[in-house]
Amino acid sequence: MREVGTNLRRIETNRRARELAEDLLKAEEKRFELGLGSSLDVLEAQKDVTSAQSAELEAIIDYNISLVRLAETEGTLVAQSGVIIQE
């Protein structure tokens, strides 16, 4: 299912974006400590980290949903869930 691959790529892309945002936040915090940046710059960088984290989590959730849909489509959802049905 194409959706699974797309969502996996979204996770990777959003993870890199989050890591970059975290690096930029560290740089802004350092600039602020040195008196070269403002608290507004730090706050904006914090907001960017939060947005990137949210996007990454949304991609992870969408990926997991697409895995469930794929298993459901293939008829393997119950088996993959470890559910045992006794008759």
Foldseek 3Di string as FASTA:
>chain_A
DVQLVVLVVQLVVLVVQLVVLVVQLVVQVVCVVVVNHDVVSNVVSVVSNVVSVVSNVVSVVSNVVVVCVVCVVVVNNCVVVVHDDDD
